[in-house]
């Protein structure tokens, strides 16, 4: 198994490893360089054209629905 000094060393490594990783990945320069670039690659900013088309279609369907309801209520 080993002496108690070896166990203390292993326990120190087990405890220091997550702390060191937490410190490294939370540095602002690493965050800006890696995380923000990755986030922009995975979720690119939305283009206004598809959003405009969707809103136009919603408006058209809403107008048709209102016209149909108006026709039904007038009868």
PDB file of N, CA and C in Angstrom:
ATOM      1  N   UNK A   1       0.834  -1.187   0.000  1.00  0.00           N
ATOM      2  CA  UNK A   1       0.000   0.000   0.000  1.00  0.00           C
ATOM      3  C   UNK A   1       0.873   1.242   0.000  1.00  0.00           C
ATOM      4  N   UNK A   2       1.712   1.364   0.935  1.00  0.00           N
ATOM      5  CA  UNK A   2       2.593   2.516   0.998  1.00  0.00           C
ATOM      6  C   UNK A   2       2.547   3.148   2.362  1.00  0.00           C
ATOM      7  N   UNK A   3       3.455   4.037   2.585  1.00  0.00           N
ATOM      8  CA  UNK A   3       3.489   4.727   3.864  1.00  0.00           C
ATOM      9  C   UNK A   3       2.426   5.814   3.900  1.00  0.00           C
ATOM     10  N   UNK A   4       2.245   6.353   5.072  1.00  0.00           N
ATOM     11  CA  UNK A   4       1.222   7.374   5.226  1.00  0.00           C
ATOM     12  C   UNK A   4       1.578   8.633   4.445  1.00  0.00           C
ATOM     13  N   UNK A   5       2.869   8.891   4.192  1.00  0.00           N
ATOM     14  CA  UNK A   5       3.259  10.067   3.415  1.00  0.00           C
ATOM     15  C   UNK A   5       2.743   9.964   1.971  1.00  0.00           C
ATOM     16  N   UNK A   6       2.759   8.742   1.433  1.00  0.00           N
ATOM     17  CA  UNK A   6       2.249   8.523   0.082  1.00  0.00           C
ATOM     18  C   UNK A   6       0.743   8.791   0.033  1.00  0.00           C
ATOM     19  N   UNK A   7       0.043   8.344   1.059  1.00  0.00           N
ATOM     20  CA  UNK A   7      -1.395   8.587   1.113  1.00  0.00           C
ATOM     21  C   UNK A   7      -1.707  10.077   1.238  1.00  0.00           C
ATOM     22  N   UNK A   8      -0.926  10.790   2.002  1.00  0.00           N
ATOM     23  CA  UNK A   8      -1.121  12.234   2.144  1.00  0.00           C
ATOM     24  C   UNK A   8      -0.858  12.921   0.807  1.00  0.00           C
ATOM     25  N   UNK A   9       0.181  12.506   0.109  1.00  0.00           N
ATOM     26  CA  UNK A   9       0.490  13.062  -1.209  1.00  0.00           C
ATOM     27  C   UNK A   9      -0.657  12.790  -2.182  1.00  0.00           C
ATOM     28  N   UNK A  10      -1.153  11.570  -2.202  1.00  0.00           N
ATOM     29  CA  UNK A  10      -2.260  11.235  -3.102  1.00  0.00           C
ATOM     30  C   UNK A  10      -3.498  12.053  -2.774  1.00  0.00           C
ATOM     31  N   UNK A  11      -3.800  12.188  -1.486  1.00  0.00           N
ATOM     32  CA  UNK A  11      -4.972  12.967  -1.099  1.00  0.00           C
ATOM     33  C   UNK A  11      -4.790  14.433  -1.474  1.00  0.00           C
ATOM     34  N   UNK A  12      -3.600  14.961  -1.339  1.00  0.00           N
ATOM     35  CA  UNK A  12      -3.325  16.337  -1.750  1.00  0.00           C
ATOM     36  C   UNK A  12      -3.535  16.533  -3.243  1.00  0.00           C
ATOM     37  N   UNK A  13      -3.094  15.567  -4.032  1.00  0.00           N
ATOM     38  CA  UNK A  13      -3.276  15.642  -5.480  1.00  0.00           C
ATOM     39  C   UNK A  13      -4.762  15.564  -5.831  1.00  0.00           C
ATOM     40  N   UNK A  14      -5.478  14.643  -5.163  1.00  0.00           N
ATOM     41  CA  UNK A  14      -6.912  14.503  -5.417  1.00  0.00           C
ATOM     42  C   UNK A  14      -7.670  15.783  -5.098  1.00  0.00           C
ATOM     43  N   UNK A  15      -7.240  16.483  -4.076  1.00  0.00           N
ATOM     44  CA  UNK A  15      -7.932  17.702  -3.682  1.00  0.00           C
ATOM     45  C   UNK A  15      -7.473  18.910  -4.499  1.00  0.00           C
ATOM     46  N   UNK A  16      -6.208  18.929  -4.918  1.00  0.00           N
ATOM     47  CA  UNK A  16      -5.680  20.081  -5.638  1.00  0.00           C
ATOM     48  C   UNK A  16      -6.100  20.086  -7.107  1.00  0.00           C
ATOM     49  N   UNK A  17      -6.273  18.919  -7.692  1.00  0.00           N
ATOM     50  CA  UNK A  17      -6.586  18.840  -9.113  1.00  0.00           C
ATOM     51  C   UNK A  17      -7.857  19.607  -9.484  1.00  0.00           C
ATOM     52  N   UNK A  18      -8.998  19.391  -8.816  1.00  0.00           N
ATOM     53  CA  UNK A  18     -10.186  20.165  -9.193  1.00  0.00           C
ATOM     54  C   UNK A  18     -10.054  21.658  -8.909  1.00  0.00           C
ATOM     55  N   UNK A  19      -9.339  21.993  -7.844  1.00  0.00           N
ATOM     56  CA  UNK A  19      -9.158  23.405  -7.511  1.00  0.00           C
ATOM     57  C   UNK A  19      -8.327  24.100  -8.586  1.00  0.00           C
ATOM     58  N   UNK A  20      -7.283  23.449  -9.040  1.00  0.00           N
ATOM     59  CA  UNK A  20      -6.429  24.028 -10.090  1.00  0.00           C
ATOM     60  C   UNK A  20      -7.222  24.174 -11.392  1.00  0.00           C
ATOM     61  N   UNK A  21      -7.997  23.152 -11.757  1.00  0.00           N
ATOM     62  CA  UNK A  21      -8.810  23.251 -12.974  1.00  0.00           C
ATOM     63  C   UNK A  21      -9.844  24.363 -12.855  1.00  0.00           C
ATOM     64  N   UNK A  22     -10.474  24.473 -11.700  1.00  0.00           N
ATOM     65  CA  UNK A  22     -11.456  25.534 -11.490  1.00  0.00           C
ATOM     66  C   UNK A  22     -10.807  26.901 -11.656  1.00  0.00           C
ATOM     67  N   UNK A  23      -9.627  27.064 -11.078  1.00  0.00           N
ATOM     68  CA  UNK A  23      -8.923  28.336 -11.178  1.00  0.00           C
ATOM     69  C   UNK A  23      -8.540  28.639 -12.629  1.00  0.00           C
ATOM     70  N   UNK A  24      -8.014  27.646 -13.340  1.00  0.00           N
ATOM     71  CA  UNK A  24      -7.563  27.865 -14.707  1.00  0.00           C
ATOM     72  C   UNK A  24      -8.726  28.231 -15.631  1.00  0.00           C
ATOM     73  N   UNK A  25      -9.826  27.504 -15.555  1.00  0.00           N
ATOM     74  CA  UNK A  25     -10.925  27.733 -16.479  1.00  0.00           C
ATOM     75  C   UNK A  25     -11.774  28.939 -16.114  1.00  0.00           C
ATOM     76  N   UNK A  26     -11.566  29.510 -14.954  1.00  0.00           N
ATOM     77  CA  UNK A  26     -12.305  30.705 -14.582  1.00  0.00           C
ATOM     78  C   UNK A  26     -11.482  31.977 -14.707  1.00  0.00           C
ATOM     79  N   UNK A  27     -10.308  31.894 -15.273  1.00  0.00           N
ATOM     80  CA  UNK A  27      -9.535  33.101 -15.542  1.00  0.00           C
ATOM     81  C   UNK A  27     -10.213  33.874 -16.666  1.00  0.00           C
ATOM     82  N   UNK A  28     -10.321  35.184 -16.557  1.00  0.00           N
ATOM     83  CA  UNK A  28     -11.050  35.958 -17.575  1.00  0.00           C
ATOM     84  C   UNK A  28     -10.487  35.811 -18.983  1.00  0.00           C
ATOM     85  N   UNK A  29      -9.180  35.783 -19.127  1.00  0.00           N
ATOM     86  CA  UNK A  29      -8.624  35.693 -20.480  1.00  0.00           C
ATOM     87  C   UNK A  29      -8.940  34.343 -21.113  1.00  0.00           C
ATOM     88  N   UNK A  30      -8.939  33.278 -20.329  1.00  0.00           N
ATOM     89  CA  UNK A  30      -9.315  31.976 -20.878  1.00  0.00           C
ATOM     90  C   UNK A  30     -10.796  31.943 -21.205  1.00  0.00           C
ATOM     91  N   UNK A  31     -11.583  32.567 -20.368  1.00  0.00           N
ATOM     92  CA  UNK A  31     -13.024  32.576 -20.596  1.00  0.00           C
ATOM     93  C   UNK A  31     -13.346  33.303 -21.894  1.00  0.00           C
ATOM     94  N   UNK A  32     -12.757  34.465 -22.083  1.00  0.00           N
ATOM     95  CA  UNK A  32     -13.040  35.249 -23.283  1.00  0.00           C
ATOM     96  C   UNK A  32     -12.545  34.546 -24.538  1.00  0.00           C
ATOM     97  N   UNK A  33     -11.341  33.983 -24.459  1.00  0.00           N
ATOM     98  CA  UNK A  33     -10.767  33.363 -25.647  1.00  0.00           C
ATOM     99  C   UNK A  33     -11.492  32.087 -26.051  1.00  0.00           C
ATOM    100  N   UNK A  34     -11.699  31.215 -25.111  1.00  0.00           N
ATOM    101  CA  UNK A  34     -12.192  29.890 -25.460  1.00  0.00           C
ATOM    102  C   UNK A  34     -13.711  29.774 -25.386  1.00  0.00           C
ATOM    103  N   UNK A  35     -14.282  30.165 -24.275  1.00  0.00           N
ATOM    104  CA  UNK A  35     -15.704  29.914 -24.051  1.00  0.00           C
ATOM    105  C   UNK A  35     -16.570  30.770 -24.965  1.00  0.00           C
ATOM    106  N   UNK A  36     -16.261  32.036 -25.097  1.00  0.00           N
ATOM    107  CA  UNK A  36     -17.089  32.911 -25.921  1.00  0.00           C
ATOM    108  C   UNK A  36     -16.969  32.532 -27.395  1.00  0.00           C
ATOM    109  N   UNK A  37     -15.766  32.186 -27.854  1.00  0.00           N
ATOM    110  CA  UNK A  37     -15.620  31.732 -29.241  1.00  0.00           C
ATOM    111  C   UNK A  37     -16.409  30.450 -29.480  1.00  0.00           C
ATOM    112  N   UNK A  38     -16.315  29.514 -28.539  1.00  0.00           N
ATOM    113  CA  UNK A  38     -17.056  28.257 -28.676  1.00  0.00           C
ATOM    114  C   UNK A  38     -18.556  28.515 -28.669  1.00  0.00           C
ATOM    115  N   UNK A  39     -18.993  29.400 -27.807  1.00  0.00           N
ATOM    116  CA  UNK A  39     -20.417  29.716 -27.716  1.00  0.00           C
ATOM    117  C   UNK A  39     -20.921  30.359 -29.006  1.00  0.00           C
ATOM    118  N   UNK A  40     -20.123  31.220 -29.602  1.00  0.00           N
ATOM    119  CA  UNK A  40     -20.528  31.852 -30.869  1.00  0.00           C
ATOM    120  C   UNK A  40     -20.545  30.857 -32.013  1.00  0.00           C
ATOM    121  N   UNK A  41     -19.652  29.845 -31.972  1.00  0.00           N
ATOM    122  CA  UNK A  41     -19.682  28.822 -33.004  1.00  0.00           C
ATOM    123  C   UNK A  41     -20.907  27.925 -32.865  1.00  0.00           C
ATOM    124  N   UNK A  42     -21.224  27.565 -31.638  1.00  0.00           N
ATOM    125  CA  UNK A  42     -22.358  26.664 -31.404  1.00  0.00           C
ATOM    126  C   UNK A  42     -23.694  27.375 -31.589  1.00  0.00           C
ATOM    127  N   UNK A  43     -23.798  28.615 -31.141  1.00  0.00           N
ATOM    128  CA  UNK A  43     -25.041  29.373 -31.218  1.00  0.00           C
ATOM    129  C   UNK A  43     -24.772  30.702 -31.913  1.00  0.00           C
ATOM    130  N   UNK A  44     -24.716  30.690 -33.249  1.00  0.00           N
ATOM    131  CA  UNK A  44     -24.436  31.943 -33.956  1.00  0.00           C
ATOM    132  C   UNK A  44     -25.567  32.944 -33.750  1.00  0.00           C
ATOM    133  N   UNK A  45     -25.250  34.230 -33.860  1.00  0.00           N
ATOM    134  CA  UNK A  45     -26.308  35.236 -33.708  1.00  0.00           C
ATOM    135  C   UNK A  45     -27.385  35.048 -34.775  1.00  0.00           C
ATOM    136  N   UNK A  46     -28.607  35.308 -34.381  1.00  0.00           N
ATOM    137  CA  UNK A  46     -29.705  35.123 -35.323  1.00  0.00           C
ATOM    138  C   UNK A  46     -29.694  36.225 -36.371  1.00  0.00           C
ATOM    139  N   UNK A  47     -29.986  35.809 -37.587  1.00  0.00           N
ATOM    140  CA  UNK A  47     -30.096  36.779 -38.670  1.00  0.00           C
ATOM    141  C   UNK A  47     -31.512  37.338 -38.657  1.00  0.00           C
ATOM    142  N   UNK A  48     -31.685  38.596 -39.028  1.00  0.00           N
ATOM    143  CA  UNK A  48     -33.028  39.187 -38.980  1.00  0.00           C
ATOM    144  C   UNK A  48     -33.961  38.688 -40.089  1.00  0.00           C
ATOM    145  N   UNK A  49     -33.424  38.167 -41.193  1.00  0.00           N
ATOM    146  CA  UNK A  49     -34.282  37.760 -42.310  1.00  0.00           C
ATOM    147  C   UNK A  49     -35.244  36.636 -41.922  1.00  0.00           C
ATOM    148  N   UNK A  50     -34.768  35.537 -41.327  1.00  0.00           N
ATOM    149  CA  UNK A  50     -35.726  34.488 -40.963  1.00  0.00           C
ATOM    150  C   UNK A  50     -36.747  34.964 -39.925  1.00  0.00           C
ATOM    151  N   UNK A  51     -36.317  35.783 -39.001  1.00  0.00           N
ATOM    152  CA  UNK A  51     -37.249  36.303 -38.006  1.00  0.00           C
ATOM    153  C   UNK A  51     -38.317  37.172 -38.667  1.00  0.00           C
ATOM    154  N   UNK A  52     -37.922  37.942 -39.664  1.00  0.00           N
ATOM    155  CA  UNK A  52     -38.875  38.786 -40.387  1.00  0.00           C
ATOM    156  C   UNK A  52     -39.872  37.924 -41.160  1.00  0.00           C
ATOM    157  N   UNK A  53     -39.385  36.857 -41.786  1.00  0.00           N
ATOM    158  CA  UNK A  53     -40.284  35.967 -42.523  1.00  0.00           C
ATOM    159  C   UNK A  53     -41.282  35.304 -41.578  1.00  0.00           C
ATOM    160  N   UNK A  54     -40.820  34.887 -40.427  1.00  0.00           N
ATOM    161  CA  UNK A  54     -41.717  34.259 -39.457  1.00  0.00           C
ATOM    162  C   UNK A  54     -42.773  35.238 -38.983  1.00  0.00           C
ATOM    163  N   UNK A  55     -42.364  36.450 -38.686  1.00  0.00           N
ATOM    164  CA  UNK A  55     -43.352  37.439 -38.228  1.00  0.00           C
ATOM    165  C   UNK A  55     -44.340  37.787 -39.341  1.00  0.00           C
ATOM    166  N   UNK A  56     -43.889  37.823 -40.595  1.00  0.00           N
ATOM    167  CA  UNK A  56     -44.802  38.065 -41.717  1.00  0.00           C
ATOM    168  C   UNK A  56     -45.824  36.937 -41.848  1.00  0.00           C
ATOM    169  N   UNK A  57     -45.351  35.686 -41.730  1.00  0.00           N
ATOM    170  CA  UNK A  57     -46.268  34.557 -41.805  1.00  0.00           C
ATOM    171  C   UNK A  57     -47.268  34.573 -40.653  1.00  0.00           C
ATOM    172  N   UNK A  58     -46.800  34.902 -39.469  1.00  0.00           N
ATOM    173  CA  UNK A  58     -47.708  34.991 -38.326  1.00  0.00           C
ATOM    174  C   UNK A  58     -48.775  36.057 -38.561  1.00  0.00           C
ATOM    175  N   UNK A  59     -48.351  37.180 -39.113  1.00  0.00           N
ATOM    176  CA  UNK A  59     -49.299  38.262 -39.392  1.00  0.00           C
ATOM    177  C   UNK A  59     -50.323  37.819 -40.438  1.00  0.00           C
ATOM    178  N   UNK A  60     -49.864  37.136 -41.494  1.00  0.00           N
ATOM    179  CA  UNK A  60     -50.772  36.672 -42.548  1.00  0.00           C
ATOM    180  C   UNK A  60     -51.792  35.687 -41.981  1.00  0.00           C
ATOM    181  N   UNK A  61     -51.334  34.728 -41.179  1.00  0.00           N
ATOM    182  CA  UNK A  61     -52.249  33.755 -40.600  1.00  0.00           C
ATOM    183  C   UNK A  61     -53.220  34.415 -39.634  1.00  0.00           C
ATOM    184  N   UNK A  62     -52.737  35.391 -38.886  1.00  0.00           N
ATOM    185  CA  UNK A  62     -53.617  36.105 -37.967  1.00  0.00           C
ATOM    186  C   UNK A  62     -54.692  36.878 -38.737  1.00  0.00           C
ATOM    187  N   UNK A  63     -54.308  37.518 -39.840  1.00  0.00           N
ATOM    188  CA  UNK A  63     -55.280  38.243 -40.654  1.00  0.00           C
ATOM    189  C   UNK A  63     -56.322  37.294 -41.243  1.00  0.00           C
ATOM    190  N   UNK A  64     -55.873  36.129 -41.737  1.00  0.00           N
ATOM    191  CA  UNK A  64     -56.814  35.147 -42.278  1.00  0.00           C
ATOM    192  C   UNK A  64     -57.776  34.655 -41.195  1.00  0.00           C
ATOM    193  N   UNK A  65     -57.241  34.388 -40.039  1.00  0.00           N
ATOM    194  CA  UNK A  65     -58.078  33.911 -38.933  1.00  0.00           C
ATOM    195  C   UNK A  65     -59.100  34.969 -38.522  1.00  0.00           C
ATOM    196  N   UNK A  66     -58.649  36.206 -38.429  1.00  0.00           N
ATOM    197  CA  UNK A  66     -59.581  37.285 -38.078  1.00  0.00           C
ATOM    198  C   UNK A  66     -60.658  37.458 -39.145  1.00  0.00           C
ATOM    199  N   UNK A  67     -60.271  37.349 -40.407  1.00  0.00           N
ATOM    200  CA  UNK A  67     -61.256  37.472 -41.482  1.00  0.00           C
ATOM    201  C   UNK A  67     -62.253  36.322 -41.431  1.00  0.00           C
ATOM    202  N   UNK A  68     -61.779  35.120 -41.162  1.00  0.00           N
ATOM    203  CA  UNK A  68     -62.681  33.976 -41.078  1.00  0.00           C
ATOM    204  C   UNK A  68     -63.623  34.109 -39.880  1.00  0.00           C
ATOM    205  N   UNK A  69     -63.101  34.532 -38.747  1.00  0.00           N
ATOM    206  CA  UNK A  69     -63.950  34.725 -37.572  1.00  0.00           C
ATOM    207  C   UNK A  69     -64.967  35.839 -37.808  1.00  0.00           C
ATOM    208  N   UNK A  70     -64.541  36.889 -38.484  1.00  0.00           N
ATOM    209  CA  UNK A  70     -65.456  37.992 -38.781  1.00  0.00           C
ATOM    210  C   UNK A  70     -66.580  37.515 -39.700  1.00  0.00           C
ATOM    211  N   UNK A  71     -66.227  36.684 -40.693  1.00  0.00           N
ATOM    212  CA  UNK A  71     -67.220  36.159 -41.610  1.00  0.00           C
ATOM    213  C   UNK A  71     -68.198  35.240 -40.882  1.00  0.00           C
ATOM    214  N   UNK A  72     -67.680  34.423 -39.962  1.00  0.00           N
ATOM    215  CA  UNK A  72     -68.541  33.503 -39.207  1.00  0.00           C
ATOM    216  C   UNK A  72     -69.500  34.280 -38.312  1.00  0.00           C
ATOM    217  N   UNK A  73     -69.026  35.329 -37.653  1.00  0.00           N
ATOM    218  CA  UNK A  73     -69.861  36.088 -36.751  1.00  0.00           C
ATOM    219  C   UNK A  73     -70.875  36.964 -37.480  1.00  0.00           C
ATOM    220  N   UNK A  74     -70.582  37.339 -38.710  1.00  0.00           N
ATOM    221  CA  UNK A  74     -71.510  38.152 -39.485  1.00  0.00           C
ATOM    222  C   UNK A  74     -72.683  37.336 -39.993  1.00  0.00           C
ATOM    223  N   UNK A  75     -72.509  36.025 -40.137  1.00  0.00           N
ATOM    224  CA  UNK A  75     -73.586  35.175 -40.670  1.00  0.00           C
ATOM    225  C   UNK A  75     -74.653  34.912 -39.675  1.00  0.00           C
TER     226      UNK A  75
END
